[in-house]
């Protein structure tokens, strides 16, 4: 998810600075940050174009809002989050300052006028997969990935607030990840 969010943010910012509001370095969010770092390096030209702020909080939108405002003040004109419910604060900051955002998990296009798209997870499909593995007694103690390759991570369409080439370029990268042409290692982590 972080790789896709950063890639889209870089395309939309035309290589400028992008921002990521993080809550806490739990494994999923540390990996989202790692993926975002790789995406920024590839599509913004440098991992230093990704500004990241850790709030330490999953539920307080005011902390995420303040983090997003600080990132905006540093030049991050496109932002995304890995902050669960607190991430709503990033959208509030976007409404206030007018910067662009990228949602996560579900289609979050209704949260602010500047939402470009959302990187969505098919939770229903993931839970159904687990249910079937339990039902057939095939569940094993290992990681079962929810990602582009499994078809359980997708992009909300159409993109908004950006030229059409941003969507077409993002879709091309998505397909390259899906077919394995572009490899995004799942174990790269970033922590505060």
N, C-alpha and C. Protein backbone atom coordinates (compact mmCIF):
# COMPACT_ATOMS: atom_id res chain seq x y z
N UNK A 1 0.82 -1.19 0.00
CA UNK A 1 0.00 0.00 0.00
C UNK A 1 0.86 1.25 0.00
N UNK A 2 1.86 1.29 0.86
CA UNK A 2 2.70 2.48 0.95
C UNK A 2 3.42 2.78 -0.35
N UNK A 3 3.86 1.74 -1.04
CA UNK A 3 4.54 1.93 -2.33
C UNK A 3 3.60 2.58 -3.32
N UNK A 4 2.37 2.07 -3.41
CA UNK A 4 1.38 2.64 -4.34
C UNK A 4 1.03 4.07 -3.96
N UNK A 5 0.82 4.32 -2.67
CA UNK A 5 0.48 5.67 -2.23
C UNK A 5 1.60 6.65 -2.59
N UNK A 6 2.84 6.27 -2.31
CA UNK A 6 3.97 7.16 -2.61
C UNK A 6 4.13 7.35 -4.11
N UNK A 7 3.97 6.29 -4.88
CA UNK A 7 4.10 6.40 -6.33
C UNK A 7 3.08 7.39 -6.87
N UNK A 8 1.82 7.28 -6.46
CA UNK A 8 0.78 8.19 -6.93
C UNK A 8 1.07 9.61 -6.46
N UNK A 9 1.48 9.75 -5.21
CA UNK A 9 1.80 11.08 -4.67
C UNK A 9 2.93 11.72 -5.47
N UNK A 10 3.96 10.95 -5.80
CA UNK A 10 5.07 11.49 -6.58
C UNK A 10 4.62 11.92 -7.97
N UNK A 11 3.81 11.08 -8.61
CA UNK A 11 3.31 11.44 -9.93
C UNK A 11 2.47 12.71 -9.87
N UNK A 12 1.65 12.84 -8.84
CA UNK A 12 0.78 14.01 -8.71
C UNK A 12 1.56 15.26 -8.32
N UNK A 13 2.64 15.09 -7.57
CA UNK A 13 3.42 16.25 -7.12
C UNK A 13 4.49 16.64 -8.13
N UNK A 14 4.59 15.88 -9.20
CA UNK A 14 5.59 16.11 -10.24
C UNK A 14 7.01 16.14 -9.67
N UNK A 15 7.29 15.20 -8.76
CA UNK A 15 8.63 15.07 -8.20
C UNK A 15 8.90 15.95 -7.00
N UNK A 16 7.87 16.66 -6.55
CA UNK A 16 8.03 17.51 -5.37
C UNK A 16 8.00 16.69 -4.09
N UNK A 17 7.91 17.38 -2.97
CA UNK A 17 7.85 16.68 -1.70
C UNK A 17 6.46 16.10 -1.45
N UNK A 18 6.45 14.94 -0.81
CA UNK A 18 5.21 14.27 -0.43
C UNK A 18 5.27 13.99 1.06
N UNK A 19 4.11 13.76 1.68
CA UNK A 19 4.10 13.53 3.11
C UNK A 19 3.32 12.30 3.51
N UNK A 20 3.78 11.65 4.58
CA UNK A 20 3.11 10.48 5.13
C UNK A 20 2.94 10.68 6.63
N UNK A 21 1.68 10.63 7.07
CA UNK A 21 1.38 10.72 8.50
C UNK A 21 1.25 9.28 9.01
N UNK A 22 2.10 8.92 9.94
CA UNK A 22 2.12 7.58 10.53
C UNK A 22 1.66 7.66 11.97
N UNK A 23 1.04 6.60 12.46
CA UNK A 23 0.64 6.57 13.87
C UNK A 23 1.76 5.97 14.71
N UNK A 24 1.88 4.65 14.70
CA UNK A 24 2.86 3.93 15.51
C UNK A 24 3.55 2.88 14.66
N UNK A 25 4.77 2.53 15.00
CA UNK A 25 5.51 1.59 14.16
C UNK A 25 5.13 0.12 14.37
N UNK A 26 3.83 -0.17 14.37
CA UNK A 26 3.43 -1.58 14.36
C UNK A 26 3.92 -2.18 13.04
N UNK A 27 4.07 -3.49 12.94
CA UNK A 27 4.64 -4.07 11.72
C UNK A 27 3.95 -3.61 10.43
N UNK A 28 2.63 -3.58 10.39
CA UNK A 28 1.95 -3.19 9.15
C UNK A 28 2.31 -1.76 8.75
N UNK A 29 2.34 -0.84 9.71
CA UNK A 29 2.62 0.56 9.37
C UNK A 29 4.11 0.80 9.13
N UNK A 30 4.96 0.06 9.81
CA UNK A 30 6.40 0.15 9.54
C UNK A 30 6.67 -0.32 8.10
N UNK A 31 5.94 -1.36 7.67
CA UNK A 31 6.09 -1.86 6.30
C UNK A 31 5.47 -0.91 5.28
N UNK A 32 4.34 -0.27 5.64
CA UNK A 32 3.77 0.74 4.73
C UNK A 32 4.77 1.87 4.54
N UNK A 33 5.42 2.28 5.63
CA UNK A 33 6.44 3.32 5.54
C UNK A 33 7.63 2.87 4.70
N UNK A 34 8.03 1.61 4.85
CA UNK A 34 9.12 1.07 4.03
C UNK A 34 8.77 1.07 2.56
N UNK A 35 7.55 0.62 2.26
CA UNK A 35 7.10 0.65 0.87
C UNK A 35 7.02 2.06 0.32
N UNK A 36 6.55 3.00 1.15
CA UNK A 36 6.47 4.40 0.73
C UNK A 36 7.86 4.96 0.43
N UNK A 37 8.82 4.58 1.25
CA UNK A 37 10.20 5.05 1.02
C UNK A 37 10.72 4.54 -0.32
N UNK A 38 10.45 3.27 -0.62
CA UNK A 38 10.87 2.71 -1.91
C UNK A 38 10.16 3.41 -3.07
N UNK A 39 8.86 3.66 -2.89
CA UNK A 39 8.09 4.35 -3.93
C UNK A 39 8.59 5.76 -4.18
N UNK A 40 8.90 6.48 -3.10
CA UNK A 40 9.41 7.85 -3.24
C UNK A 40 10.77 7.86 -3.94
N UNK A 41 11.59 6.90 -3.58
CA UNK A 41 12.92 6.81 -4.20
C UNK A 41 12.79 6.59 -5.71
N UNK A 42 11.87 5.72 -6.10
CA UNK A 42 11.70 5.38 -7.53
C UNK A 42 10.98 6.49 -8.31
N UNK A 43 9.90 7.04 -7.75
CA UNK A 43 9.04 7.92 -8.55
C UNK A 43 9.21 9.40 -8.25
N UNK A 44 9.76 9.76 -7.10
CA UNK A 44 10.08 11.17 -6.82
C UNK A 44 11.56 11.44 -7.09
N UNK A 45 12.33 10.38 -7.25
CA UNK A 45 13.75 10.54 -7.53
C UNK A 45 14.64 10.49 -6.31
N UNK A 46 14.04 10.48 -5.11
CA UNK A 46 14.83 10.42 -3.88
C UNK A 46 13.91 10.10 -2.71
N UNK A 47 14.40 9.24 -1.81
CA UNK A 47 13.60 8.96 -0.62
C UNK A 47 13.51 10.19 0.27
N UNK A 48 14.41 11.15 0.07
CA UNK A 48 14.36 12.39 0.85
C UNK A 48 13.17 13.28 0.47
N UNK A 49 12.51 12.97 -0.64
CA UNK A 49 11.30 13.72 -1.02
C UNK A 49 10.10 13.31 -0.18
N UNK A 50 10.21 12.18 0.52
CA UNK A 50 9.15 11.71 1.41
C UNK A 50 9.40 12.24 2.81
N UNK A 51 8.50 13.10 3.27
CA UNK A 51 8.54 13.60 4.63
C UNK A 51 7.58 12.76 5.45
N UNK A 52 8.04 12.26 6.59
CA UNK A 52 7.21 11.36 7.39
C UNK A 52 7.11 11.90 8.81
N UNK A 53 5.90 11.80 9.37
CA UNK A 53 5.68 12.25 10.74
C UNK A 53 4.96 11.15 11.51
N UNK A 54 5.48 10.79 12.67
CA UNK A 54 4.90 9.76 13.52
C UNK A 54 4.17 10.44 14.68
N UNK A 55 2.90 10.14 14.85
CA UNK A 55 2.10 10.77 15.91
C UNK A 55 2.05 9.95 17.19
N UNK A 56 2.26 8.63 17.08
CA UNK A 56 2.16 7.76 18.25
C UNK A 56 0.73 7.48 18.67
N UNK A 57 -0.23 7.76 17.78
CA UNK A 57 -1.63 7.64 18.17
C UNK A 57 -2.47 7.13 17.00
N UNK A 58 -3.33 6.15 17.27
CA UNK A 58 -4.21 5.57 16.26
C UNK A 58 -5.58 6.23 16.21
N UNK A 59 -5.96 6.96 17.25
CA UNK A 59 -7.36 7.39 17.37
C UNK A 59 -7.58 8.90 17.45
N UNK A 60 -6.55 9.70 17.63
CA UNK A 60 -6.73 11.14 17.81
C UNK A 60 -6.49 11.90 16.50
N UNK A 61 -7.57 12.29 15.80
CA UNK A 61 -7.41 13.02 14.54
C UNK A 61 -6.67 14.34 14.67
N UNK A 62 -6.73 14.98 15.85
CA UNK A 62 -6.04 16.27 15.99
C UNK A 62 -4.53 16.10 15.87
N UNK A 63 -3.99 14.98 16.35
CA UNK A 63 -2.55 14.74 16.22
C UNK A 63 -2.16 14.54 14.75
N UNK A 64 -2.99 13.80 14.02
CA UNK A 64 -2.71 13.59 12.59
C UNK A 64 -2.87 14.90 11.82
N UNK A 65 -3.85 15.70 12.19
CA UNK A 65 -4.05 16.99 11.53
C UNK A 65 -2.82 17.87 11.74
N UNK A 66 -2.36 17.97 12.98
CA UNK A 66 -1.17 18.79 13.26
C UNK A 66 0.05 18.27 12.52
N UNK A 67 0.19 16.96 12.44
CA UNK A 67 1.32 16.37 11.70
C UNK A 67 1.22 16.73 10.22
N UNK A 68 0.01 16.62 9.65
CA UNK A 68 -0.19 16.94 8.23
C UNK A 68 0.07 18.42 7.95
N UNK A 69 -0.37 19.28 8.85
CA UNK A 69 -0.12 20.72 8.68
C UNK A 69 1.38 21.01 8.72
N UNK A 70 2.09 20.33 9.62
CA UNK A 70 3.54 20.51 9.70
C UNK A 70 4.23 20.01 8.42
N UNK A 71 3.78 18.88 7.89
CA UNK A 71 4.35 18.36 6.65
C UNK A 71 4.08 19.32 5.50
N UNK A 72 2.87 19.86 5.46
CA UNK A 72 2.51 20.84 4.42
C UNK A 72 3.42 22.07 4.52
N UNK A 73 3.66 22.54 5.73
CA UNK A 73 4.52 23.70 5.94
C UNK A 73 5.95 23.43 5.45
N UNK A 74 6.34 22.15 5.40
CA UNK A 74 7.67 21.76 4.91
C UNK A 74 7.66 21.49 3.41
N UNK A 75 6.50 21.65 2.77
CA UNK A 75 6.43 21.52 1.32
C UNK A 75 5.76 20.28 0.79
N UNK A 76 5.18 19.45 1.65
CA UNK A 76 4.51 18.21 1.19
C UNK A 76 3.12 18.56 0.66
N UNK A 77 3.01 18.65 -0.66
CA UNK A 77 1.76 19.08 -1.29
C UNK A 77 0.81 17.94 -1.63
N UNK A 78 1.27 16.71 -1.47
CA UNK A 78 0.42 15.52 -1.60
C UNK A 78 0.75 14.63 -0.40
N UNK A 79 -0.31 14.19 0.31
CA UNK A 79 -0.08 13.42 1.53
C UNK A 79 -0.98 12.19 1.59
N UNK A 80 -0.54 11.23 2.41
CA UNK A 80 -1.30 10.02 2.67
C UNK A 80 -0.97 9.59 4.09
N UNK A 81 -1.71 8.61 4.61
CA UNK A 81 -1.48 8.24 5.99
C UNK A 81 -1.50 6.74 6.21
N UNK A 82 -0.93 6.37 7.34
CA UNK A 82 -1.04 5.04 7.93
C UNK A 82 -1.30 5.30 9.40
N UNK A 83 -2.50 5.77 9.69
CA UNK A 83 -2.80 6.21 11.06
C UNK A 83 -4.18 5.76 11.53
N UNK A 84 -4.77 4.80 10.83
CA UNK A 84 -6.10 4.31 11.20
C UNK A 84 -7.09 5.46 11.34
N UNK A 85 -7.91 5.45 12.38
CA UNK A 85 -8.96 6.45 12.56
C UNK A 85 -8.35 7.85 12.67
N UNK A 86 -7.20 7.98 13.29
CA UNK A 86 -6.55 9.28 13.43
C UNK A 86 -6.27 9.93 12.08
N UNK A 87 -6.13 9.12 11.04
CA UNK A 87 -5.86 9.64 9.70
C UNK A 87 -6.88 10.63 9.20
N UNK A 88 -8.07 10.60 9.78
CA UNK A 88 -9.10 11.58 9.38
C UNK A 88 -8.59 13.00 9.54
N UNK A 89 -7.69 13.20 10.50
CA UNK A 89 -7.13 14.53 10.72
C UNK A 89 -6.34 15.04 9.52
N UNK A 90 -5.70 14.13 8.78
CA UNK A 90 -4.97 14.54 7.58
C UNK A 90 -5.94 15.13 6.56
N UNK A 91 -7.11 14.52 6.44
CA UNK A 91 -8.11 15.03 5.51
C UNK A 91 -8.64 16.40 5.96
N UNK A 92 -8.76 16.59 7.26
CA UNK A 92 -9.18 17.89 7.79
C UNK A 92 -8.13 18.96 7.46
N UNK A 93 -6.86 18.62 7.59
CA UNK A 93 -5.79 19.55 7.23
C UNK A 93 -5.83 19.86 5.74
N UNK A 94 -6.14 18.84 4.93
CA UNK A 94 -6.25 19.02 3.49
C UNK A 94 -7.37 20.01 3.15
N UNK A 95 -8.50 19.89 3.84
CA UNK A 95 -9.60 20.83 3.61
C UNK A 95 -9.17 22.26 3.95
N UNK A 96 -8.39 22.39 5.01
CA UNK A 96 -7.96 23.70 5.48
C UNK A 96 -6.93 24.34 4.54
N UNK A 97 -5.97 23.55 4.08
CA UNK A 97 -4.86 24.09 3.29
C UNK A 97 -4.97 23.83 1.79
N UNK A 98 -5.82 22.89 1.39
CA UNK A 98 -6.02 22.64 -0.04
C UNK A 98 -5.02 21.71 -0.69
N UNK A 99 -4.24 20.97 0.09
CA UNK A 99 -3.31 20.03 -0.54
C UNK A 99 -4.04 18.73 -0.92
N UNK A 100 -3.43 17.95 -1.78
CA UNK A 100 -4.02 16.71 -2.28
C UNK A 100 -3.71 15.56 -1.32
N UNK A 101 -4.60 14.55 -1.33
CA UNK A 101 -4.43 13.39 -0.46
C UNK A 101 -4.72 12.10 -1.21
N UNK A 102 -4.27 11.01 -0.60
CA UNK A 102 -4.56 9.66 -1.10
C UNK A 102 -5.08 8.86 0.07
N UNK A 103 -6.25 8.25 -0.11
CA UNK A 103 -6.87 7.48 0.96
C UNK A 103 -6.31 6.08 1.06
N UNK A 104 -6.83 5.37 2.07
CA UNK A 104 -6.38 4.00 2.31
C UNK A 104 -7.54 3.14 2.78
N UNK A 105 -7.37 1.85 2.63
CA UNK A 105 -8.30 0.81 3.06
C UNK A 105 -9.59 0.78 2.23
N UNK A 106 -10.37 1.88 2.29
CA UNK A 106 -11.64 1.99 1.58
C UNK A 106 -11.60 3.22 0.68
N UNK A 107 -12.59 3.40 -0.16
CA UNK A 107 -12.67 4.61 -0.97
C UNK A 107 -12.97 5.78 -0.04
N UNK A 108 -11.99 6.65 0.15
CA UNK A 108 -12.13 7.78 1.06
C UNK A 108 -12.32 9.11 0.30
N UNK A 109 -12.83 9.02 -0.92
CA UNK A 109 -12.98 10.22 -1.74
C UNK A 109 -13.95 11.24 -1.16
N UNK A 110 -14.80 10.81 -0.25
CA UNK A 110 -15.78 11.72 0.34
C UNK A 110 -15.23 12.49 1.54
N UNK A 111 -14.00 12.25 1.95
CA UNK A 111 -13.47 12.86 3.16
C UNK A 111 -12.89 14.26 2.96
N UNK A 112 -12.51 14.59 1.74
CA UNK A 112 -11.97 15.92 1.45
C UNK A 112 -12.04 16.17 -0.05
N UNK A 113 -12.16 17.41 -0.44
CA UNK A 113 -12.23 17.71 -1.89
C UNK A 113 -10.97 17.34 -2.65
N UNK A 114 -9.82 17.29 -1.96
CA UNK A 114 -8.55 17.05 -2.64
C UNK A 114 -8.10 15.61 -2.73
N UNK A 115 -9.01 14.65 -2.50
CA UNK A 115 -8.61 13.24 -2.58
C UNK A 115 -8.40 12.87 -4.05
N UNK A 116 -7.25 12.29 -4.34
CA UNK A 116 -6.94 11.83 -5.70
C UNK A 116 -7.58 10.47 -5.93
N UNK A 117 -7.28 9.53 -5.05
CA UNK A 117 -7.76 8.15 -5.12
C UNK A 117 -7.54 7.52 -3.76
N UNK A 118 -7.88 6.27 -3.64
CA UNK A 118 -7.60 5.49 -2.43
C UNK A 118 -6.99 4.17 -2.84
N UNK A 119 -6.06 3.69 -2.03
CA UNK A 119 -5.51 2.35 -2.20
C UNK A 119 -6.32 1.47 -1.26
N UNK A 120 -7.12 0.59 -1.85
CA UNK A 120 -8.13 -0.14 -1.09
C UNK A 120 -7.74 -1.59 -0.85
N UNK A 121 -8.21 -2.10 0.28
CA UNK A 121 -8.01 -3.51 0.63
C UNK A 121 -9.36 -4.22 0.56
N UNK A 122 -9.36 -5.37 -0.07
CA UNK A 122 -10.56 -6.21 -0.12
C UNK A 122 -10.61 -7.04 1.17
N UNK A 123 -11.09 -6.42 2.24
CA UNK A 123 -11.16 -7.12 3.52
C UNK A 123 -12.08 -8.33 3.44
N UNK A 124 -13.20 -8.20 2.73
CA UNK A 124 -14.16 -9.30 2.61
C UNK A 124 -13.48 -10.51 1.97
N UNK A 125 -12.74 -10.27 0.90
CA UNK A 125 -12.04 -11.37 0.23
C UNK A 125 -10.96 -11.99 1.10
N UNK A 126 -10.25 -11.16 1.85
CA UNK A 126 -9.20 -11.67 2.74
C UNK A 126 -9.79 -12.53 3.85
N UNK A 127 -10.90 -12.06 4.44
CA UNK A 127 -11.54 -12.84 5.50
C UNK A 127 -12.16 -14.12 4.94
N UNK A 128 -12.70 -14.05 3.73
CA UNK A 128 -13.26 -15.25 3.11
C UNK A 128 -12.17 -16.29 2.86
N UNK A 129 -11.00 -15.82 2.43
CA UNK A 129 -9.87 -16.73 2.23
C UNK A 129 -9.51 -17.43 3.54
N UNK A 130 -9.44 -16.67 4.62
CA UNK A 130 -9.11 -17.27 5.93
C UNK A 130 -10.19 -18.26 6.36
N UNK A 131 -11.45 -17.88 6.15
CA UNK A 131 -12.56 -18.77 6.50
C UNK A 131 -12.50 -20.08 5.74
N UNK A 132 -12.20 -20.00 4.46
CA UNK A 132 -12.11 -21.21 3.64
C UNK A 132 -10.94 -22.09 4.10
N UNK A 133 -9.81 -21.47 4.44
CA UNK A 133 -8.66 -22.23 4.93
C UNK A 133 -8.98 -22.92 6.25
N UNK A 134 -9.71 -22.24 7.12
CA UNK A 134 -10.11 -22.85 8.40
C UNK A 134 -11.09 -23.99 8.15
N UNK A 135 -12.08 -23.72 7.31
CA UNK A 135 -13.13 -24.71 7.00
C UNK A 135 -12.53 -26.00 6.42
N UNK A 136 -11.55 -25.84 5.55
CA UNK A 136 -10.95 -27.01 4.90
C UNK A 136 -9.72 -27.54 5.65
N UNK A 137 -9.49 -26.97 6.84
CA UNK A 137 -8.38 -27.39 7.70
C UNK A 137 -7.03 -27.27 7.01
N UNK A 138 -6.88 -26.22 6.20
CA UNK A 138 -5.63 -25.96 5.49
C UNK A 138 -4.88 -24.74 6.03
N UNK A 139 -5.44 -24.08 7.04
CA UNK A 139 -4.78 -22.91 7.61
C UNK A 139 -3.47 -23.32 8.28
N UNK A 140 -2.40 -22.64 7.92
CA UNK A 140 -1.08 -22.94 8.45
C UNK A 140 -0.53 -21.72 9.18
N UNK A 141 0.42 -21.92 10.09
CA UNK A 141 1.03 -20.78 10.79
C UNK A 141 2.07 -20.09 9.91
N UNK A 142 1.58 -19.28 8.99
CA UNK A 142 2.44 -18.53 8.08
C UNK A 142 1.73 -17.24 7.68
N UNK A 143 2.44 -16.37 6.97
CA UNK A 143 1.84 -15.14 6.48
C UNK A 143 0.99 -15.42 5.25
N UNK A 144 -0.18 -14.85 5.22
CA UNK A 144 -1.05 -14.86 4.05
C UNK A 144 -1.17 -13.40 3.62
N UNK A 145 -0.56 -13.05 2.51
CA UNK A 145 -0.47 -11.66 2.11
C UNK A 145 -1.75 -11.15 1.45
N UNK A 146 -2.05 -9.93 1.78
CA UNK A 146 -3.11 -9.16 1.13
C UNK A 146 -2.39 -8.09 0.35
N UNK A 147 -2.25 -8.29 -0.95
CA UNK A 147 -1.46 -7.37 -1.75
C UNK A 147 -1.98 -7.31 -3.19
N UNK A 148 -1.24 -6.61 -4.02
CA UNK A 148 -1.63 -6.46 -5.42
C UNK A 148 -1.64 -7.81 -6.12
N UNK A 149 -0.64 -8.65 -5.85
CA UNK A 149 -0.55 -9.95 -6.53
C UNK A 149 -1.75 -10.84 -6.22
N UNK A 150 -2.29 -10.74 -5.01
CA UNK A 150 -3.45 -11.58 -4.66
C UNK A 150 -4.76 -10.95 -5.12
N UNK A 151 -4.68 -9.73 -5.66
CA UNK A 151 -5.88 -9.04 -6.13
C UNK A 151 -6.68 -8.41 -5.00
N UNK A 152 -6.13 -8.39 -3.81
CA UNK A 152 -6.86 -7.86 -2.66
C UNK A 152 -6.46 -6.43 -2.30
N UNK A 153 -5.59 -5.82 -3.10
CA UNK A 153 -5.28 -4.40 -2.98
C UNK A 153 -5.52 -3.79 -4.36
N UNK A 154 -6.38 -2.78 -4.42
CA UNK A 154 -6.75 -2.15 -5.68
C UNK A 154 -6.76 -0.63 -5.55
N UNK A 155 -6.93 0.04 -6.67
CA UNK A 155 -7.00 1.50 -6.71
C UNK A 155 -8.45 1.93 -6.99
N UNK A 156 -8.93 2.92 -6.24
CA UNK A 156 -10.26 3.47 -6.51
C UNK A 156 -10.19 4.30 -7.78
N UNK A 157 -11.21 4.19 -8.62
CA UNK A 157 -11.24 4.92 -9.89
C UNK A 157 -12.59 5.61 -10.03
N UNK A 158 -12.63 6.69 -10.75
CA UNK A 158 -11.54 7.38 -11.43
C UNK A 158 -10.75 8.24 -10.46
N UNK A 159 -9.51 8.56 -10.85
CA UNK A 159 -8.71 9.51 -10.08
C UNK A 159 -9.33 10.89 -10.25
N UNK A 160 -9.16 11.72 -9.25
CA UNK A 160 -9.67 13.09 -9.30
C UNK A 160 -8.54 14.07 -9.02
N UNK A 161 -8.74 15.30 -9.40
CA UNK A 161 -7.84 16.40 -9.05
C UNK A 161 -6.46 16.34 -9.67
N UNK A 162 -6.24 15.45 -10.62
CA UNK A 162 -4.94 15.34 -11.29
C UNK A 162 -5.18 15.11 -12.78
N UNK A 163 -4.19 15.41 -13.62
CA UNK A 163 -4.32 15.11 -15.05
C UNK A 163 -4.52 13.61 -15.28
N UNK A 164 -5.18 13.24 -16.35
CA UNK A 164 -5.50 11.84 -16.62
C UNK A 164 -4.26 10.96 -16.75
N UNK A 165 -3.13 11.55 -17.14
CA UNK A 165 -1.92 10.73 -17.28
C UNK A 165 -1.43 10.19 -15.93
N UNK A 166 -1.79 10.85 -14.82
CA UNK A 166 -1.40 10.33 -13.51
C UNK A 166 -2.10 8.99 -13.27
N UNK A 167 -3.40 8.90 -13.59
CA UNK A 167 -4.12 7.64 -13.43
C UNK A 167 -3.57 6.58 -14.38
N UNK A 168 -3.33 6.93 -15.63
CA UNK A 168 -2.85 5.91 -16.58
C UNK A 168 -1.46 5.42 -16.19
N UNK A 169 -0.58 6.32 -15.73
CA UNK A 169 0.75 5.89 -15.29
C UNK A 169 0.67 5.04 -14.04
N UNK A 170 -0.20 5.42 -13.10
CA UNK A 170 -0.37 4.64 -11.86
C UNK A 170 -0.91 3.25 -12.18
N UNK A 171 -1.89 3.18 -13.08
CA UNK A 171 -2.44 1.87 -13.46
C UNK A 171 -1.39 1.00 -14.13
N UNK A 172 -0.51 1.61 -14.92
CA UNK A 172 0.56 0.83 -15.56
C UNK A 172 1.51 0.24 -14.52
N UNK A 173 1.87 1.04 -13.52
CA UNK A 173 2.74 0.53 -12.45
C UNK A 173 2.02 -0.56 -11.68
N UNK A 174 0.74 -0.35 -11.37
CA UNK A 174 -0.06 -1.35 -10.66
C UNK A 174 0.00 -2.69 -11.42
N UNK A 175 -0.21 -2.65 -12.73
CA UNK A 175 -0.17 -3.88 -13.54
C UNK A 175 1.21 -4.52 -13.52
N UNK A 176 2.26 -3.70 -13.50
CA UNK A 176 3.62 -4.23 -13.45
C UNK A 176 3.90 -4.91 -12.10
N UNK A 177 3.34 -4.36 -11.04
CA UNK A 177 3.46 -5.01 -9.73
C UNK A 177 2.68 -6.32 -9.75
N UNK A 178 1.49 -6.27 -10.32
CA UNK A 178 0.63 -7.46 -10.37
C UNK A 178 1.27 -8.60 -11.15
N UNK A 179 1.90 -8.28 -12.28
CA UNK A 179 2.50 -9.36 -13.09
C UNK A 179 3.93 -9.69 -12.69
N UNK A 180 4.47 -8.98 -11.69
CA UNK A 180 5.80 -9.29 -11.19
C UNK A 180 6.93 -8.57 -11.89
N UNK A 181 6.63 -7.73 -12.88
CA UNK A 181 7.66 -6.96 -13.56
C UNK A 181 8.33 -5.99 -12.59
N UNK A 182 7.52 -5.35 -11.74
CA UNK A 182 8.03 -4.50 -10.66
C UNK A 182 7.87 -5.28 -9.38
N UNK A 183 8.95 -5.43 -8.65
CA UNK A 183 8.92 -6.18 -7.39
C UNK A 183 9.02 -5.21 -6.22
N UNK A 184 8.08 -5.34 -5.29
CA UNK A 184 8.08 -4.53 -4.09
C UNK A 184 8.31 -5.46 -2.91
N UNK A 185 9.50 -5.44 -2.32
CA UNK A 185 9.77 -6.35 -1.22
C UNK A 185 8.84 -6.08 -0.04
N UNK A 186 8.22 -7.13 0.53
CA UNK A 186 7.25 -6.92 1.60
C UNK A 186 7.86 -6.70 2.98
N UNK A 187 9.17 -6.81 3.11
CA UNK A 187 9.77 -6.78 4.44
C UNK A 187 10.60 -5.54 4.74
N UNK A 188 10.53 -4.50 3.90
CA UNK A 188 11.25 -3.26 4.16
C UNK A 188 10.45 -2.45 5.18
N UNK A 189 11.11 -2.05 6.25
CA UNK A 189 10.42 -1.31 7.32
C UNK A 189 11.11 0.02 7.59
N UNK A 190 10.31 0.99 8.02
CA UNK A 190 10.80 2.27 8.48
C UNK A 190 10.19 2.52 9.84
N UNK A 191 11.02 2.94 10.77
CA UNK A 191 10.54 3.25 12.13
C UNK A 191 11.07 4.62 12.53
N UNK A 192 10.37 5.26 13.49
CA UNK A 192 10.82 6.58 13.91
C UNK A 192 12.18 6.52 14.62
